[in-house]
């Protein structure tokens, strides 16, 4: 169970297994974000609640480029932005990952409501992810979104659902060697014997 999430290569039907590097990986992230404005100068001074979609392509085991699109659904519903950039992943354990990324893009709304100037955005962001299984992970995000040629500055926080997909061989009907991933689930059951405790 401690090796859950690690990959292995099996040399044959009865051969030995050993840990191997991961196959090329992509990640699709669907998230809900909250933008909390810092000293806003536009007429809209509340929070912006947005939904976003991000596609990430890993170029090495832990480095990736990404493209993201976000649109407001509450607070300022017509707010939208497009951001692209690079990031890196740090594996804390087989199921816990930390991500750091920085992006540059374009977005905003009418300058009188939220001042993003020409619309240029810079967006560093961090994510802590817990893998539910080999493909699905949930994460908490935090970031700082700013418009360099405007006055808009925002602290961002939210939650994301990530789907990882890799170009791996299928074990069934495969010619050896084959690649697989250790996986497992653990359930805990407890029993309460006291009630109305104070």
N, C-alpha and C. Protein backbone atom coordinates (compact mmCIF):
# COMPACT_ATOMS: atom_id res chain seq x y z
N UNK A 1 0.83 -1.21 0.00
CA UNK A 1 0.00 0.00 0.00
C UNK A 1 0.86 1.25 0.00
N UNK A 2 2.03 1.21 0.65
CA UNK A 2 2.90 2.38 0.72
C UNK A 2 3.43 2.78 -0.66
N UNK A 3 3.42 1.87 -1.62
CA UNK A 3 3.93 2.15 -2.97
C UNK A 3 2.81 2.55 -3.93
N UNK A 4 1.62 2.77 -3.41
CA UNK A 4 0.49 3.14 -4.25
C UNK A 4 0.82 4.40 -5.05
N UNK A 5 0.59 4.35 -6.35
CA UNK A 5 0.88 5.48 -7.22
C UNK A 5 2.17 5.34 -7.98
N UNK A 6 3.08 4.49 -7.52
CA UNK A 6 4.35 4.27 -8.23
C UNK A 6 4.11 3.36 -9.43
N UNK A 7 4.95 3.53 -10.45
CA UNK A 7 4.83 2.67 -11.64
C UNK A 7 5.88 1.58 -11.59
N UNK A 8 5.63 0.50 -12.33
CA UNK A 8 6.58 -0.60 -12.43
C UNK A 8 6.59 -1.13 -13.85
N UNK A 9 7.68 -1.81 -14.21
CA UNK A 9 7.78 -2.47 -15.50
C UNK A 9 7.97 -3.95 -15.25
N UNK A 10 7.14 -4.79 -15.88
CA UNK A 10 7.27 -6.23 -15.73
C UNK A 10 7.87 -6.77 -17.02
N UNK A 11 8.94 -7.54 -16.86
CA UNK A 11 9.67 -7.99 -18.05
C UNK A 11 8.99 -9.16 -18.74
N UNK A 12 8.12 -9.87 -18.06
CA UNK A 12 7.42 -11.00 -18.67
C UNK A 12 6.33 -11.49 -17.75
N UNK A 13 5.56 -12.52 -18.19
CA UNK A 13 4.46 -13.01 -17.37
C UNK A 13 4.90 -13.44 -15.97
N UNK A 14 6.11 -13.93 -15.85
CA UNK A 14 6.59 -14.34 -14.53
C UNK A 14 7.87 -13.62 -14.16
N UNK A 15 8.15 -12.51 -14.82
CA UNK A 15 9.39 -11.79 -14.59
C UNK A 15 9.31 -10.89 -13.37
N UNK A 16 10.44 -10.29 -13.04
CA UNK A 16 10.48 -9.39 -11.88
C UNK A 16 9.99 -8.01 -12.28
N UNK A 17 9.59 -7.23 -11.29
CA UNK A 17 9.10 -5.87 -11.51
C UNK A 17 10.05 -4.88 -10.88
N UNK A 18 10.13 -3.71 -11.44
CA UNK A 18 10.95 -2.66 -10.86
C UNK A 18 10.30 -1.32 -11.14
N UNK A 19 10.57 -0.34 -10.26
CA UNK A 19 9.99 0.99 -10.43
C UNK A 19 10.55 1.64 -11.68
N UNK A 20 9.69 2.34 -12.41
CA UNK A 20 10.10 2.98 -13.66
C UNK A 20 9.53 4.37 -13.72
N UNK A 21 10.04 5.18 -14.67
CA UNK A 21 9.52 6.52 -14.86
C UNK A 21 8.13 6.49 -15.47
N UNK A 22 7.39 7.52 -15.26
CA UNK A 22 6.02 7.57 -15.75
C UNK A 22 5.99 7.84 -17.25
N UNK A 23 4.93 7.36 -17.87
CA UNK A 23 4.72 7.65 -19.28
C UNK A 23 4.33 9.11 -19.43
N UNK A 24 4.41 9.66 -20.66
CA UNK A 24 3.99 11.06 -20.87
C UNK A 24 2.60 11.30 -20.29
N UNK A 25 2.43 12.42 -19.65
CA UNK A 25 1.22 12.67 -18.87
C UNK A 25 0.56 13.98 -19.26
N UNK A 26 -0.76 13.99 -19.20
CA UNK A 26 -1.57 15.19 -19.38
C UNK A 26 -2.51 15.30 -18.19
N UNK A 27 -2.97 16.51 -17.92
CA UNK A 27 -3.89 16.70 -16.81
C UNK A 27 -4.95 17.71 -17.21
N UNK A 28 -6.20 17.40 -16.91
CA UNK A 28 -7.32 18.30 -17.13
C UNK A 28 -7.87 18.68 -15.76
N UNK A 29 -7.94 19.98 -15.48
CA UNK A 29 -8.38 20.47 -14.18
C UNK A 29 -9.64 21.32 -14.33
N UNK A 30 -10.64 21.03 -13.50
CA UNK A 30 -11.88 21.79 -13.48
C UNK A 30 -12.01 22.37 -12.08
N UNK A 31 -12.07 23.71 -11.98
CA UNK A 31 -12.04 24.31 -10.66
C UNK A 31 -13.03 25.44 -10.45
N UNK A 32 -13.25 25.75 -9.18
CA UNK A 32 -14.02 26.90 -8.76
C UNK A 32 -13.07 27.82 -8.01
N UNK A 33 -13.01 29.09 -8.40
CA UNK A 33 -12.09 30.05 -7.80
C UNK A 33 -12.83 31.26 -7.26
N UNK A 34 -12.26 31.86 -6.25
CA UNK A 34 -12.76 33.11 -5.67
C UNK A 34 -11.64 34.14 -5.74
N UNK A 35 -11.92 35.29 -6.35
CA UNK A 35 -10.95 36.37 -6.44
C UNK A 35 -11.35 37.45 -5.44
N UNK A 36 -10.53 37.66 -4.44
CA UNK A 36 -10.78 38.68 -3.43
C UNK A 36 -9.92 39.90 -3.74
N UNK A 37 -10.55 41.01 -4.12
CA UNK A 37 -9.82 42.19 -4.57
C UNK A 37 -9.09 42.88 -3.41
N UNK A 38 -7.90 43.38 -3.71
CA UNK A 38 -7.10 44.13 -2.74
C UNK A 38 -7.19 45.61 -3.11
N UNK A 39 -7.77 46.43 -2.23
CA UNK A 39 -7.91 47.88 -2.44
C UNK A 39 -8.40 48.21 -3.86
N UNK A 40 -9.55 47.72 -4.27
CA UNK A 40 -10.03 47.97 -5.63
C UNK A 40 -10.33 49.45 -5.86
N UNK A 41 -10.00 49.92 -7.06
CA UNK A 41 -10.27 51.31 -7.43
C UNK A 41 -11.45 51.43 -8.39
N UNK A 42 -11.89 50.30 -8.97
CA UNK A 42 -13.07 50.33 -9.83
C UNK A 42 -14.33 50.38 -9.00
N UNK A 43 -15.46 50.56 -9.66
CA UNK A 43 -16.73 50.68 -8.93
C UNK A 43 -17.19 49.36 -8.34
N UNK A 44 -16.74 48.21 -8.89
CA UNK A 44 -17.09 46.91 -8.32
C UNK A 44 -16.01 46.52 -7.30
N UNK A 45 -16.40 46.33 -6.05
CA UNK A 45 -15.42 46.08 -5.00
C UNK A 45 -15.61 44.73 -4.31
N UNK A 46 -16.54 43.93 -4.82
CA UNK A 46 -16.80 42.62 -4.21
C UNK A 46 -15.90 41.53 -4.75
N UNK A 47 -16.20 40.31 -4.33
CA UNK A 47 -15.47 39.15 -4.82
C UNK A 47 -15.99 38.72 -6.18
N UNK A 48 -15.12 38.06 -6.92
CA UNK A 48 -15.50 37.47 -8.20
C UNK A 48 -15.42 35.96 -8.03
N UNK A 49 -16.50 35.27 -8.30
CA UNK A 49 -16.53 33.81 -8.24
C UNK A 49 -16.47 33.30 -9.67
N UNK A 50 -15.47 32.45 -9.95
CA UNK A 50 -15.25 32.01 -11.33
C UNK A 50 -15.11 30.50 -11.41
N UNK A 51 -15.46 29.97 -12.55
CA UNK A 51 -15.21 28.57 -12.87
C UNK A 51 -14.13 28.55 -13.93
N UNK A 52 -13.17 27.62 -13.81
CA UNK A 52 -12.10 27.58 -14.80
C UNK A 52 -11.79 26.16 -15.23
N UNK A 53 -11.19 26.08 -16.40
CA UNK A 53 -10.78 24.82 -17.01
C UNK A 53 -9.33 24.96 -17.44
N UNK A 54 -8.48 24.02 -17.02
CA UNK A 54 -7.05 24.09 -17.35
C UNK A 54 -6.58 22.78 -17.94
N UNK A 55 -5.81 22.87 -19.02
CA UNK A 55 -5.15 21.71 -19.64
C UNK A 55 -3.65 21.84 -19.42
N UNK A 56 -3.04 20.78 -18.88
CA UNK A 56 -1.60 20.78 -18.61
C UNK A 56 -0.95 19.63 -19.36
N UNK A 57 0.21 19.89 -19.96
CA UNK A 57 0.98 18.88 -20.69
C UNK A 57 2.36 18.78 -20.06
N UNK A 58 2.67 17.62 -19.48
CA UNK A 58 3.97 17.42 -18.84
C UNK A 58 5.03 17.16 -19.90
N UNK A 59 6.10 17.94 -19.85
CA UNK A 59 7.21 17.76 -20.79
C UNK A 59 8.32 16.93 -20.16
N UNK A 60 8.36 16.88 -18.83
CA UNK A 60 9.20 15.94 -18.10
C UNK A 60 8.29 15.32 -17.04
N UNK A 61 8.87 14.50 -16.17
CA UNK A 61 8.04 13.85 -15.15
C UNK A 61 7.30 14.86 -14.27
N UNK A 62 7.94 16.01 -13.99
CA UNK A 62 7.35 16.96 -13.05
C UNK A 62 7.24 18.39 -13.57
N UNK A 63 7.60 18.66 -14.80
CA UNK A 63 7.51 20.01 -15.37
C UNK A 63 6.46 20.02 -16.48
N UNK A 64 5.69 21.11 -16.56
CA UNK A 64 4.61 21.15 -17.52
C UNK A 64 4.35 22.57 -18.02
N UNK A 65 3.68 22.65 -19.15
CA UNK A 65 3.11 23.92 -19.61
C UNK A 65 1.59 23.77 -19.53
N UNK A 66 0.89 24.89 -19.47
CA UNK A 66 -0.55 24.80 -19.33
C UNK A 66 -1.25 25.96 -20.04
N UNK A 67 -2.54 25.75 -20.24
CA UNK A 67 -3.42 26.75 -20.84
C UNK A 67 -4.72 26.70 -20.05
N UNK A 68 -5.22 27.85 -19.58
CA UNK A 68 -6.41 27.88 -18.74
C UNK A 68 -7.37 28.98 -19.20
N UNK A 69 -8.66 28.69 -19.02
CA UNK A 69 -9.72 29.64 -19.34
C UNK A 69 -10.64 29.74 -18.13
N UNK A 70 -10.96 30.96 -17.71
CA UNK A 70 -11.85 31.16 -16.58
C UNK A 70 -12.94 32.17 -16.91
N UNK A 71 -14.12 31.95 -16.32
CA UNK A 71 -15.23 32.87 -16.54
C UNK A 71 -16.01 33.01 -15.24
N UNK A 72 -16.44 34.24 -14.94
CA UNK A 72 -17.20 34.50 -13.72
C UNK A 72 -18.60 33.93 -13.79
N UNK A 73 -19.07 33.42 -12.64
CA UNK A 73 -20.46 32.95 -12.57
C UNK A 73 -21.25 33.67 -11.48
N UNK A 74 -20.56 34.41 -10.61
CA UNK A 74 -21.25 35.16 -9.56
C UNK A 74 -20.38 36.36 -9.18
N UNK A 75 -20.98 37.42 -8.71
CA UNK A 75 -20.23 38.63 -8.37
C UNK A 75 -20.09 39.52 -9.59
N UNK A 76 -19.32 39.06 -10.56
CA UNK A 76 -19.15 39.75 -11.85
C UNK A 76 -19.26 38.68 -12.94
N UNK A 77 -20.49 38.26 -13.28
CA UNK A 77 -20.69 37.09 -14.13
C UNK A 77 -20.03 37.14 -15.50
N UNK A 78 -19.81 38.31 -16.07
CA UNK A 78 -19.23 38.38 -17.40
C UNK A 78 -17.71 38.51 -17.39
N UNK A 79 -17.09 38.47 -16.21
CA UNK A 79 -15.63 38.50 -16.14
C UNK A 79 -15.07 37.25 -16.82
N UNK A 80 -13.98 37.39 -17.57
CA UNK A 80 -13.35 36.23 -18.19
C UNK A 80 -11.86 36.48 -18.38
N UNK A 81 -11.09 35.39 -18.47
CA UNK A 81 -9.65 35.50 -18.66
C UNK A 81 -9.11 34.24 -19.32
N UNK A 82 -7.99 34.42 -20.02
CA UNK A 82 -7.25 33.32 -20.64
C UNK A 82 -5.80 33.47 -20.19
N UNK A 83 -5.23 32.38 -19.64
CA UNK A 83 -3.87 32.43 -19.09
C UNK A 83 -3.11 31.19 -19.55
N UNK A 84 -1.84 31.38 -19.89
CA UNK A 84 -0.95 30.26 -20.24
C UNK A 84 0.38 30.43 -19.53
N UNK A 85 1.05 29.33 -19.25
CA UNK A 85 2.33 29.44 -18.56
C UNK A 85 2.98 28.10 -18.32
N UNK A 86 3.85 28.06 -17.32
CA UNK A 86 4.62 26.86 -17.00
C UNK A 86 4.48 26.56 -15.52
N UNK A 87 4.76 25.31 -15.15
CA UNK A 87 4.65 24.92 -13.76
C UNK A 87 5.52 23.72 -13.45
N UNK A 88 5.57 23.38 -12.16
CA UNK A 88 6.32 22.21 -11.71
C UNK A 88 5.55 21.50 -10.61
N UNK A 89 5.82 20.21 -10.45
CA UNK A 89 5.15 19.39 -9.45
C UNK A 89 6.19 18.81 -8.50
N UNK A 90 5.84 18.78 -7.21
CA UNK A 90 6.68 18.13 -6.19
C UNK A 90 5.83 17.06 -5.54
N UNK A 91 6.30 15.81 -5.59
CA UNK A 91 5.57 14.70 -4.98
C UNK A 91 5.99 14.59 -3.51
N UNK A 92 5.05 14.86 -2.61
CA UNK A 92 5.31 14.74 -1.18
C UNK A 92 5.21 13.29 -0.74
N UNK A 93 4.27 12.56 -1.31
CA UNK A 93 4.08 11.13 -1.07
C UNK A 93 3.42 10.57 -2.33
N UNK A 94 3.23 9.25 -2.41
CA UNK A 94 2.59 8.71 -3.62
C UNK A 94 1.21 9.30 -3.91
N UNK A 95 0.53 9.85 -2.89
CA UNK A 95 -0.81 10.37 -3.12
C UNK A 95 -0.92 11.89 -2.97
N UNK A 96 0.11 12.55 -2.49
CA UNK A 96 0.05 13.99 -2.25
C UNK A 96 1.07 14.71 -3.13
N UNK A 97 0.60 15.69 -3.91
CA UNK A 97 1.45 16.49 -4.79
C UNK A 97 1.26 17.97 -4.52
N UNK A 98 2.33 18.72 -4.67
CA UNK A 98 2.27 20.18 -4.63
C UNK A 98 2.63 20.70 -6.01
N UNK A 99 1.88 21.70 -6.49
CA UNK A 99 2.13 22.30 -7.80
C UNK A 99 2.38 23.79 -7.61
N UNK A 100 3.34 24.32 -8.36
CA UNK A 100 3.55 25.75 -8.43
C UNK A 100 3.60 26.15 -9.89
N UNK A 101 2.89 27.19 -10.26
CA UNK A 101 2.87 27.61 -11.66
C UNK A 101 2.77 29.12 -11.76
N UNK A 102 3.23 29.64 -12.89
CA UNK A 102 3.09 31.07 -13.15
C UNK A 102 2.62 31.23 -14.59
N UNK A 103 1.67 32.14 -14.76
CA UNK A 103 1.10 32.33 -16.08
C UNK A 103 0.96 33.80 -16.44
N UNK A 104 0.88 34.05 -17.73
CA UNK A 104 0.66 35.38 -18.27
C UNK A 104 -0.52 35.26 -19.24
N UNK A 105 -1.42 36.22 -19.16
CA UNK A 105 -2.57 36.13 -20.03
C UNK A 105 -3.30 37.44 -20.18
N UNK A 106 -4.56 37.32 -20.55
CA UNK A 106 -5.37 38.49 -20.81
C UNK A 106 -6.76 38.27 -20.21
N UNK A 107 -7.32 39.34 -19.65
CA UNK A 107 -8.66 39.21 -19.10
C UNK A 107 -9.11 40.47 -18.41
N UNK A 108 -10.29 40.38 -17.78
CA UNK A 108 -10.82 41.52 -17.06
C UNK A 108 -12.20 41.89 -17.52
N UNK A 109 -12.52 43.15 -17.32
CA UNK A 109 -13.85 43.66 -17.62
C UNK A 109 -13.70 45.14 -17.90
N UNK A 110 -14.78 45.89 -17.89
CA UNK A 110 -14.70 47.33 -18.13
C UNK A 110 -13.82 47.97 -17.05
N UNK A 111 -12.82 48.79 -17.43
CA UNK A 111 -11.92 49.40 -16.45
C UNK A 111 -12.63 50.18 -15.36
N UNK A 112 -13.82 50.69 -15.65
CA UNK A 112 -14.55 51.44 -14.62
C UNK A 112 -15.06 50.51 -13.52
N UNK A 113 -15.24 49.22 -13.83
CA UNK A 113 -15.72 48.26 -12.84
C UNK A 113 -14.57 47.56 -12.12
N UNK A 114 -13.63 47.03 -12.89
CA UNK A 114 -12.45 46.38 -12.35
C UNK A 114 -11.28 46.75 -13.25
N UNK A 115 -10.29 47.45 -12.70
CA UNK A 115 -9.24 48.07 -13.51
C UNK A 115 -8.10 47.09 -13.80
N UNK A 116 -8.19 46.42 -14.96
CA UNK A 116 -7.09 45.58 -15.42
C UNK A 116 -6.29 46.27 -16.53
N UNK A 117 -6.47 47.56 -16.69
CA UNK A 117 -5.73 48.31 -17.71
C UNK A 117 -6.00 47.77 -19.09
N UNK A 118 -4.94 47.39 -19.79
CA UNK A 118 -5.09 46.84 -21.14
C UNK A 118 -5.59 45.40 -21.11
N UNK A 119 -5.64 44.80 -19.92
CA UNK A 119 -6.08 43.42 -19.81
C UNK A 119 -4.96 42.43 -19.56
N UNK A 120 -3.70 42.89 -19.53
CA UNK A 120 -2.56 42.00 -19.26
C UNK A 120 -2.63 41.50 -17.82
N UNK A 121 -2.48 40.18 -17.64
CA UNK A 121 -2.53 39.57 -16.32
C UNK A 121 -1.28 38.75 -16.04
N UNK A 122 -0.84 38.74 -14.78
CA UNK A 122 0.22 37.85 -14.30
C UNK A 122 -0.38 37.06 -13.14
N UNK A 123 -0.19 35.73 -13.16
CA UNK A 123 -0.92 34.89 -12.22
C UNK A 123 -0.07 33.74 -11.68
N UNK A 124 0.68 33.96 -10.58
CA UNK A 124 1.31 32.82 -9.89
C UNK A 124 0.28 32.10 -9.03
N UNK A 125 0.38 30.77 -8.97
CA UNK A 125 -0.64 29.97 -8.29
C UNK A 125 -0.02 28.70 -7.74
N UNK A 126 -0.51 28.25 -6.58
CA UNK A 126 -0.04 27.01 -5.95
C UNK A 126 -1.24 26.10 -5.70
N UNK A 127 -1.00 24.79 -5.78
CA UNK A 127 -2.05 23.81 -5.57
C UNK A 127 -1.51 22.66 -4.73
N UNK A 128 -2.31 22.20 -3.76
CA UNK A 128 -2.02 20.98 -3.01
C UNK A 128 -3.06 19.95 -3.44
N UNK A 129 -2.59 18.80 -3.94
CA UNK A 129 -3.48 17.79 -4.51
C UNK A 129 -3.38 16.48 -3.75
N UNK A 130 -4.53 15.85 -3.54
CA UNK A 130 -4.59 14.49 -2.99
C UNK A 130 -5.18 13.57 -4.05
N UNK A 131 -4.44 12.50 -4.39
CA UNK A 131 -4.88 11.57 -5.41
C UNK A 131 -5.88 10.57 -4.83
N UNK A 132 -7.09 10.53 -5.39
CA UNK A 132 -8.11 9.58 -4.95
C UNK A 132 -7.81 8.19 -5.49
N UNK A 133 -7.27 8.14 -6.70
CA UNK A 133 -6.82 6.90 -7.31
C UNK A 133 -5.78 7.26 -8.37
N UNK A 134 -5.52 6.36 -9.28
CA UNK A 134 -4.48 6.61 -10.29
C UNK A 134 -4.76 7.82 -11.16
N UNK A 135 -6.03 8.09 -11.46
CA UNK A 135 -6.38 9.13 -12.41
C UNK A 135 -7.00 10.39 -11.81
N UNK A 136 -7.72 10.27 -10.71
CA UNK A 136 -8.46 11.40 -10.17
C UNK A 136 -7.80 11.96 -8.92
N UNK A 137 -7.73 13.30 -8.86
CA UNK A 137 -7.20 13.98 -7.70
C UNK A 137 -8.04 15.21 -7.37
N UNK A 138 -8.07 15.58 -6.09
CA UNK A 138 -8.75 16.80 -5.68
C UNK A 138 -7.70 17.73 -5.07
N UNK A 139 -7.91 19.03 -5.24
CA UNK A 139 -6.89 19.96 -4.78
C UNK A 139 -7.47 21.25 -4.24
N UNK A 140 -6.66 21.92 -3.43
CA UNK A 140 -6.95 23.26 -2.94
C UNK A 140 -5.95 24.20 -3.57
N UNK A 141 -6.40 25.38 -4.03
CA UNK A 141 -5.55 26.31 -4.74
C UNK A 141 -5.49 27.67 -4.04
N UNK A 142 -4.37 28.35 -4.24
CA UNK A 142 -4.22 29.72 -3.75
C UNK A 142 -3.29 30.44 -4.71
N UNK A 143 -3.55 31.73 -4.94
CA UNK A 143 -2.72 32.46 -5.88
C UNK A 143 -2.84 33.97 -5.70
N UNK A 144 -2.15 34.67 -6.60
CA UNK A 144 -2.13 36.14 -6.60
C UNK A 144 -2.27 36.59 -8.04
N UNK A 145 -3.39 37.22 -8.38
CA UNK A 145 -3.68 37.65 -9.74
C UNK A 145 -3.57 39.16 -9.82
N UNK A 146 -2.71 39.64 -10.72
CA UNK A 146 -2.52 41.09 -10.81
C UNK A 146 -2.48 41.55 -12.26
N UNK A 147 -2.82 42.82 -12.45
CA UNK A 147 -2.76 43.48 -13.77
C UNK A 147 -1.63 44.51 -13.72
N UNK A 148 -0.48 44.23 -14.35
CA UNK A 148 0.68 45.13 -14.24
C UNK A 148 0.42 46.56 -14.71
N UNK A 149 -0.43 46.75 -15.73
CA UNK A 149 -0.68 48.12 -16.20
C UNK A 149 -2.06 48.63 -15.77
N UNK A 150 -2.61 48.02 -14.72
CA UNK A 150 -3.85 48.49 -14.10
C UNK A 150 -3.67 48.49 -12.59
N UNK A 151 -4.74 48.68 -11.86
CA UNK A 151 -4.64 48.69 -10.40
C UNK A 151 -5.19 47.41 -9.78
N UNK A 152 -5.72 46.50 -10.58
CA UNK A 152 -6.35 45.29 -10.05
C UNK A 152 -5.32 44.34 -9.45
N UNK A 153 -5.55 43.98 -8.18
CA UNK A 153 -4.76 42.97 -7.48
C UNK A 153 -5.75 42.09 -6.73
N UNK A 154 -5.52 40.78 -6.78
CA UNK A 154 -6.47 39.84 -6.18
C UNK A 154 -5.75 38.68 -5.51
N UNK A 155 -6.22 38.31 -4.33
CA UNK A 155 -5.84 37.05 -3.72
C UNK A 155 -6.87 36.03 -4.19
N UNK A 156 -6.42 34.86 -4.63
CA UNK A 156 -7.34 33.86 -5.14
C UNK A 156 -7.23 32.58 -4.31
N UNK A 157 -8.36 31.92 -4.15
CA UNK A 157 -8.38 30.62 -3.48
C UNK A 157 -9.54 29.83 -4.04
N UNK A 158 -9.40 28.51 -4.04
CA UNK A 158 -10.46 27.69 -4.62
C UNK A 158 -10.19 26.21 -4.47
N UNK A 159 -10.96 25.41 -5.20
CA UNK A 159 -10.85 23.96 -5.20
C UNK A 159 -10.88 23.46 -6.63
N UNK A 160 -10.22 22.33 -6.86
CA UNK A 160 -10.13 21.81 -8.22
C UNK A 160 -10.27 20.29 -8.23
N UNK A 161 -10.79 19.77 -9.32
CA UNK A 161 -10.86 18.34 -9.57
C UNK A 161 -9.98 18.06 -10.77
N UNK A 162 -8.97 17.20 -10.59
CA UNK A 162 -7.99 16.93 -11.63
C UNK A 162 -8.16 15.53 -12.18
N UNK A 163 -8.03 15.41 -13.51
CA UNK A 163 -8.01 14.10 -14.15
C UNK A 163 -6.68 13.94 -14.87
N UNK A 164 -5.91 12.92 -14.49
CA UNK A 164 -4.61 12.63 -15.10
C UNK A 164 -4.78 11.51 -16.12
N UNK A 165 -4.20 11.68 -17.29
CA UNK A 165 -4.21 10.59 -18.26
C UNK A 165 -2.83 10.46 -18.88
N UNK A 166 -2.42 9.18 -19.09
CA UNK A 166 -1.07 8.85 -19.53
C UNK A 166 -1.13 7.89 -20.71
N UNK A 167 -0.07 7.90 -21.51
CA UNK A 167 0.02 6.99 -22.66
C UNK A 167 0.66 5.69 -22.19
N UNK A 168 -0.10 4.90 -21.43
CA UNK A 168 0.43 3.65 -20.90
C UNK A 168 -0.06 2.46 -21.71
N UNK A 169 0.75 1.41 -21.72
CA UNK A 169 0.33 0.16 -22.36
C UNK A 169 -0.75 -0.51 -21.53
N UNK A 170 -1.63 -1.20 -22.18
CA UNK A 170 -2.65 -2.00 -21.48
C UNK A 170 -2.05 -3.36 -21.18
N UNK A 171 -2.36 -3.86 -19.96
CA UNK A 171 -1.83 -5.16 -19.57
C UNK A 171 -2.41 -6.26 -20.45
N UNK A 172 -3.71 -6.17 -20.74
CA UNK A 172 -4.36 -7.20 -21.54
C UNK A 172 -3.82 -7.21 -22.96
N UNK A 173 -3.50 -8.40 -23.43
CA UNK A 173 -3.03 -8.61 -24.81
C UNK A 173 -1.82 -7.77 -25.15
N UNK A 174 -0.98 -7.48 -24.16
CA UNK A 174 0.19 -6.64 -24.41
C UNK A 174 1.41 -7.52 -24.64
N UNK A 175 2.34 -7.03 -25.44
CA UNK A 175 3.63 -7.69 -25.60
C UNK A 175 4.55 -7.15 -24.52
N UNK A 176 5.28 -8.03 -23.87
CA UNK A 176 6.14 -7.62 -22.76
C UNK A 176 7.38 -6.92 -23.27
N UNK A 177 7.98 -5.99 -22.48
CA UNK A 177 7.58 -5.63 -21.12
C UNK A 177 6.35 -4.73 -21.08
N UNK A 178 5.62 -4.79 -19.96
CA UNK A 178 4.45 -3.95 -19.77
C UNK A 178 4.67 -3.03 -18.58
N UNK A 179 3.95 -1.91 -18.56
CA UNK A 179 4.05 -0.95 -17.47
C UNK A 179 2.74 -0.89 -16.72
N UNK A 180 2.81 -0.83 -15.40
CA UNK A 180 1.61 -0.74 -14.58
C UNK A 180 1.83 0.20 -13.42
N UNK A 181 0.81 0.36 -12.61
CA UNK A 181 0.87 1.26 -11.45
C UNK A 181 0.30 0.55 -10.23
N UNK A 182 1.03 0.62 -9.13
CA UNK A 182 0.51 0.08 -7.88
C UNK A 182 -0.67 0.93 -7.42
N UNK A 183 -1.73 0.28 -6.98
CA UNK A 183 -2.92 1.01 -6.53
C UNK A 183 -3.57 0.25 -5.39
N UNK A 184 -4.32 0.95 -4.57
CA UNK A 184 -5.01 0.28 -3.49
C UNK A 184 -5.95 1.22 -2.77
N UNK A 185 -6.85 0.64 -1.99
CA UNK A 185 -7.79 1.41 -1.18
C UNK A 185 -7.73 0.88 0.25
N UNK A 186 -7.91 1.75 1.20
CA UNK A 186 -7.93 1.34 2.59
C UNK A 186 -9.19 1.90 3.24
N UNK A 187 -9.92 1.05 3.96
CA UNK A 187 -11.14 1.47 4.64
C UNK A 187 -10.97 1.25 6.14
N UNK A 188 -11.46 2.18 6.93
CA UNK A 188 -11.41 2.06 8.38
C UNK A 188 -12.84 2.03 8.92
N UNK A 189 -13.09 1.14 9.87
CA UNK A 189 -14.40 1.02 10.50
C UNK A 189 -14.19 1.18 12.00
N UNK A 190 -14.97 2.06 12.60
CA UNK A 190 -14.88 2.24 14.05
C UNK A 190 -16.23 1.97 14.68
N UNK A 191 -16.21 1.70 15.99
CA UNK A 191 -17.45 1.36 16.70
C UNK A 191 -17.56 2.23 17.95
N UNK A 192 -18.66 2.95 18.06
CA UNK A 192 -18.91 3.79 19.25
C UNK A 192 -19.70 2.99 20.27
N UNK A 193 -19.26 3.03 21.52
CA UNK A 193 -19.97 2.30 22.57
C UNK A 193 -20.57 3.21 23.61
N UNK A 194 -20.27 4.52 23.56
CA UNK A 194 -20.81 5.47 24.54
C UNK A 194 -21.63 6.53 23.82
N UNK A 195 -22.71 6.95 24.45
CA UNK A 195 -23.58 7.98 23.88
C UNK A 195 -23.80 9.10 24.88
N UNK A 196 -24.24 10.24 24.40
CA UNK A 196 -24.53 11.40 25.25
C UNK A 196 -23.33 11.80 26.12
N UNK A 197 -22.14 11.77 25.51
CA UNK A 197 -20.95 12.15 26.28
C UNK A 197 -20.88 13.66 26.44
N UNK A 198 -20.24 14.13 27.49
CA UNK A 198 -20.07 15.56 27.71
C UNK A 198 -18.62 15.81 28.11
